[in-house]
Amino acid sequence: MARHTRLQALNAVHEISVVPVFYNSDISTVQNIAKACVNGGIKVLEFTNRGDHAWEVFSALDKFCAAELPEAILGAGSVLDAGTASMYISAGASFIVGPVTNPDVAKVCNRRKVGYVPGCGTASEISAAEELGADIVKVFPGSAVGGPGFVKDVLAPMPWSSIMPTGGVDITEESLRPWFEAGVVSVGMGSKLISSDIIKEGAWDKLEQRSKDTVALIKSIKASL
């Protein structure tokens, strides 16, 4: 059962405006990633369903967060079907993210009052996802579907939409500013934030500082708009 409500999870995505996206098969590694991000001010975390027995790693991570990082809001990403969504929700996911929109996943999430952030690539897909109850939609892959210009064009006739791009988002102001100027509510970040060198070297202090810097940069950008 989710430790955080749908409103708490979605409001945190809006407030913090960045969601780390990561997967690793090693439980100790994902625990350290979560700890560094949360200590750096990013308490919303998306663990992706990428490898064999990924849900078991997620379950162990959720138990760790419940005991050691109670403020962490842990969700599951790369979820394509209702069965997988149910499995992760039962393992404690506070929100579900997908690269595509699946009405059956939306039903499962709505039934359990868990936030669903589906993947969309067109204005029609965004509208259809919102009809299914999605409060935030994931534009994926962000850079390939048209980047900030796409978001700006969609929000012109649909200003009520809350959009979070993933893919093609870097931790620099040159990358982030155009997205927030276009009107996104948050951005998803994978290897640009949690880089391979950090994982290889176990440089968790570096990840914590990078998280702090990213949060501060986004806050500064949003304040200037």
Protein backbone atom coordinates (compact mmCIF):
# COMPACT_ATOMS: atom_id res chain seq x y z
CA MET A 1 0.00 0.00 0.00
CA ALA A 2 1.26 3.48 -0.87
CA ARG A 3 2.65 5.45 2.06
CA HIS A 4 1.70 8.75 0.41
CA THR A 5 -1.59 9.82 -1.07
CA ARG A 6 -2.09 10.64 -4.73
CA LEU A 7 -2.37 14.33 -3.86
CA GLN A 8 0.84 14.28 -1.82
CA ALA A 9 2.75 12.60 -4.65
CA LEU A 10 1.47 14.81 -7.46
CA ASN A 11 1.81 18.01 -5.44
CA ALA A 12 5.42 17.08 -4.66
CA VAL A 13 6.11 16.62 -8.38
CA HIS A 14 4.76 20.15 -8.95
CA GLU A 15 6.60 21.65 -6.00
CA ILE A 16 10.05 20.10 -6.47
CA SER A 17 9.76 20.12 -10.27
CA VAL A 18 12.31 17.37 -10.89
CA VAL A 19 11.95 13.60 -10.68
CA PRO A 20 15.05 11.37 -10.73
CA VAL A 21 14.57 8.33 -12.96
CA PHE A 22 16.78 5.34 -12.23
CA TYR A 23 17.22 1.58 -12.20
CA ASN A 24 19.89 -0.68 -10.80
CA SER A 25 19.72 -4.35 -9.87
CA ASP A 26 21.85 -3.85 -6.75
CA ILE A 27 19.77 -3.04 -3.70
CA SER A 28 22.56 -1.19 -1.91
CA THR A 29 23.11 1.01 -4.96
CA VAL A 30 19.47 2.06 -5.28
CA GLN A 31 19.32 2.73 -1.55
CA ASN A 32 22.30 5.06 -1.85
CA ILE A 33 20.80 6.77 -4.89
CA ALA A 34 17.56 7.38 -3.02
CA LYS A 35 19.34 8.66 0.08
CA ALA A 36 21.55 11.05 -1.89
CA CYS A 37 18.63 12.46 -3.89
CA VAL A 38 16.40 12.91 -0.85
CA ASN A 39 19.19 14.50 1.18
CA GLY A 40 19.74 16.78 -1.81
CA GLY A 41 16.14 17.97 -1.67
CA ILE A 42 14.53 15.68 -4.24
CA LYS A 43 12.07 13.50 -2.38
CA VAL A 44 10.11 12.22 -5.40
CA LEU A 45 11.83 9.21 -6.96
CA GLU A 46 10.96 7.09 -10.01
CA PHE A 47 12.39 3.58 -9.99
CA THR A 48 12.02 2.08 -13.46
CA ASN A 49 10.80 -1.42 -14.21
CA ARG A 50 13.72 -2.34 -16.44
CA GLY A 51 15.50 -5.53 -15.33
CA ASP A 52 14.60 -9.06 -14.30
CA HIS A 53 13.00 -9.16 -10.84
CA ALA A 54 13.01 -5.36 -10.78
CA TRP A 55 9.92 -5.34 -8.57
CA GLU A 56 11.84 -7.24 -5.88
CA VAL A 57 14.49 -4.53 -5.85
CA PHE A 58 11.74 -1.92 -5.72
CA SER A 59 10.08 -3.69 -2.80
CA ALA A 60 13.36 -3.72 -0.87
CA LEU A 61 13.89 -0.04 -1.70
CA ASP A 62 10.40 0.86 -0.50
CA LYS A 63 11.01 -0.92 2.80
CA PHE A 64 14.29 0.97 3.15
CA CYS A 65 12.59 4.29 2.45
CA ALA A 66 9.82 3.54 4.93
CA ALA A 67 12.39 2.93 7.65
CA GLU A 68 15.19 5.36 6.76
CA LEU A 69 13.70 7.97 4.39
CA PRO A 70 10.04 8.39 5.38
CA GLU A 71 9.78 11.64 3.41
CA ALA A 72 10.71 9.86 0.17
CA ILE A 73 7.84 9.45 -2.28
CA LEU A 74 8.70 6.39 -4.32
CA GLY A 75 7.04 5.57 -7.62
CA ALA A 76 7.49 3.00 -10.36
CA GLY A 77 8.22 3.86 -13.98
CA SER A 78 8.32 2.08 -17.35
CA VAL A 79 5.00 0.45 -16.45
CA LEU A 80 3.14 -0.73 -19.54
CA ASP A 81 0.28 -2.91 -18.31
CA ALA A 82 -2.25 -3.21 -15.51
CA GLY A 83 -0.71 -6.35 -14.01
CA THR A 84 2.65 -4.69 -13.57
CA ALA A 85 1.01 -1.57 -12.12
CA SER A 86 -0.89 -3.67 -9.58
CA MET A 87 2.30 -5.47 -8.59
CA TYR A 88 4.18 -2.23 -7.94
CA ILE A 89 1.25 -0.63 -6.13
CA SER A 90 1.09 -3.67 -3.86
CA ALA A 91 4.83 -3.26 -3.27
CA GLY A 92 4.29 0.32 -2.09
CA ALA A 93 4.43 2.57 -5.17
CA SER A 94 2.96 6.01 -4.49
CA PHE A 95 2.67 6.78 -8.21
CA ILE A 96 2.97 4.98 -11.53
CA VAL A 97 4.69 6.31 -14.66
CA GLY A 98 4.55 4.85 -18.16
CA PRO A 99 6.18 5.55 -21.51
CA VAL A 100 2.73 5.11 -23.08
CA THR A 101 -0.88 5.60 -22.00
CA ASN A 102 -2.80 2.46 -21.05
CA PRO A 103 -6.48 2.82 -20.01
CA ASP A 104 -6.26 -0.38 -17.94
CA VAL A 105 -3.34 1.03 -15.95
CA ALA A 106 -5.36 4.21 -15.38
CA LYS A 107 -8.25 2.13 -13.98
CA VAL A 108 -5.96 0.27 -11.59
CA CYS A 109 -4.36 3.49 -10.36
CA ASN A 110 -7.69 5.28 -9.98
CA ARG A 111 -9.15 2.33 -8.07
CA ARG A 112 -6.24 2.44 -5.62
CA LYS A 113 -6.06 6.27 -5.54
CA VAL A 114 -2.50 6.23 -6.86
CA GLY A 115 -1.28 8.90 -9.26
CA TYR A 116 -0.75 7.83 -12.88
CA VAL A 117 1.63 9.78 -15.11
CA PRO A 118 1.22 8.29 -18.61
CA GLY A 119 3.49 8.85 -21.57
CA CYS A 120 2.19 10.97 -24.46
CA GLY A 121 3.61 12.25 -27.73
CA THR A 122 0.78 14.27 -29.28
CA ALA A 123 -1.91 16.73 -28.21
CA SER A 124 -4.55 14.05 -28.84
CA GLU A 125 -2.72 11.57 -26.60
CA ILE A 126 -2.44 14.18 -23.85
CA SER A 127 -6.16 14.93 -24.08
CA ALA A 128 -7.05 11.22 -24.03
CA ALA A 129 -4.83 10.65 -20.98
CA GLU A 130 -6.51 13.53 -19.16
CA GLU A 131 -9.91 12.01 -19.93
CA LEU A 132 -8.68 8.90 -18.12
CA GLY A 133 -7.93 11.01 -15.04
CA ALA A 134 -4.24 11.79 -15.50
CA ASP A 135 -3.36 14.98 -13.61
CA ILE A 136 0.19 15.08 -15.00
CA VAL A 137 1.26 13.66 -18.35
CA LYS A 138 4.75 12.61 -19.33
CA VAL A 139 5.97 13.86 -22.70
CA PHE A 140 8.25 11.12 -23.92
CA PRO A 141 10.76 11.17 -25.40
CA GLY A 142 10.85 14.87 -24.67
CA SER A 143 13.44 16.00 -27.17
CA ALA A 144 12.22 13.74 -29.98
CA VAL A 145 8.58 14.86 -29.92
CA GLY A 146 9.51 18.51 -30.38
CA GLY A 147 11.15 19.74 -27.19
CA PRO A 148 10.02 22.91 -25.39
CA GLY A 149 8.39 24.19 -28.57
CA PHE A 150 6.00 21.25 -28.57
CA VAL A 151 5.02 21.91 -24.95
CA LYS A 152 4.42 25.61 -25.64
CA ASP A 153 2.28 24.82 -28.67
CA VAL A 154 0.18 22.28 -26.75
CA LEU A 155 -0.39 24.55 -23.77
CA ALA A 156 -1.67 27.37 -25.98
CA PRO A 157 -5.05 25.66 -26.60
CA MET A 158 -4.80 23.40 -23.48
CA PRO A 159 -3.45 25.64 -20.69
CA TRP A 160 -4.89 23.36 -18.00
CA SER A 161 -2.49 20.54 -18.92
CA SER A 162 0.36 19.65 -16.58
CA ILE A 163 3.30 18.34 -18.56
CA MET A 164 6.51 16.62 -17.42
CA PRO A 165 9.06 15.83 -20.16
CA THR A 166 11.55 13.01 -19.78
CA GLY A 167 14.36 12.46 -22.26
CA GLY A 168 16.56 15.25 -23.54
CA VAL A 169 16.60 17.14 -20.24
CA ASP A 170 20.00 18.11 -18.83
CA ILE A 171 21.00 19.66 -15.49
CA THR A 172 22.17 22.93 -17.06
CA GLU A 173 20.29 26.22 -17.23
CA GLU A 174 20.60 26.14 -21.02
CA SER A 175 18.59 22.94 -21.05
CA LEU A 176 16.18 23.58 -18.18
CA ARG A 177 15.15 27.18 -18.79
CA PRO A 178 13.48 26.60 -22.18
CA TRP A 179 11.39 23.78 -20.73
CA PHE A 180 10.09 25.84 -17.81
CA GLU A 181 9.61 28.89 -20.00
CA ALA A 182 7.47 26.68 -22.22
CA GLY A 183 5.30 25.81 -19.21
CA VAL A 184 6.28 22.37 -17.91
CA VAL A 185 5.46 21.65 -14.25
CA SER A 186 8.39 19.28 -13.75
CA VAL A 187 11.10 17.37 -15.59
CA GLY A 188 12.23 13.77 -15.37
CA MET A 189 15.99 13.19 -15.28
CA GLY A 190 17.89 9.97 -15.68
CA SER A 191 21.58 9.63 -16.48
CA LYS A 192 22.14 13.37 -16.69
CA LEU A 193 21.50 13.54 -12.95
CA ILE A 194 22.44 10.04 -11.82
CA SER A 195 25.40 9.54 -14.13
CA SER A 196 27.25 6.27 -14.66
CA ASP A 197 30.44 7.63 -13.11
CA ILE A 198 28.62 8.40 -9.87
CA ILE A 199 27.28 4.86 -9.70
CA LYS A 200 30.60 3.28 -10.67
CA GLU A 201 32.57 5.31 -8.13
CA GLY A 202 29.91 5.27 -5.43
CA ALA A 203 30.19 9.06 -5.33
CA TRP A 204 26.99 9.58 -3.35
CA ASP A 205 28.15 12.92 -1.91
CA LYS A 206 28.52 14.14 -5.49
CA LEU A 207 24.97 13.03 -6.30
CA GLU A 208 23.65 14.76 -3.19
CA GLN A 209 25.35 18.02 -4.16
CA ARG A 210 24.22 17.70 -7.77
CA SER A 211 20.66 17.20 -6.53
CA LYS A 212 20.91 20.32 -4.36
CA ASP A 213 22.31 22.33 -7.25
CA THR A 214 19.58 21.13 -9.62
CA VAL A 215 16.80 21.96 -7.16
CA ALA A 216 18.28 25.43 -6.59
CA LEU A 217 18.66 26.05 -10.31
CA ILE A 218 15.08 25.07 -11.08
CA LYS A 219 13.80 27.18 -8.20
CA SER A 220 15.75 30.15 -9.55
CA ILE A 221 14.43 29.63 -13.07
CA LYS A 222 10.83 29.35 -11.90
CA ALA A 223 11.18 32.48 -9.74
CA SER A 224 12.39 34.46 -12.75
CA LEU A 225 9.43 33.56 -14.97
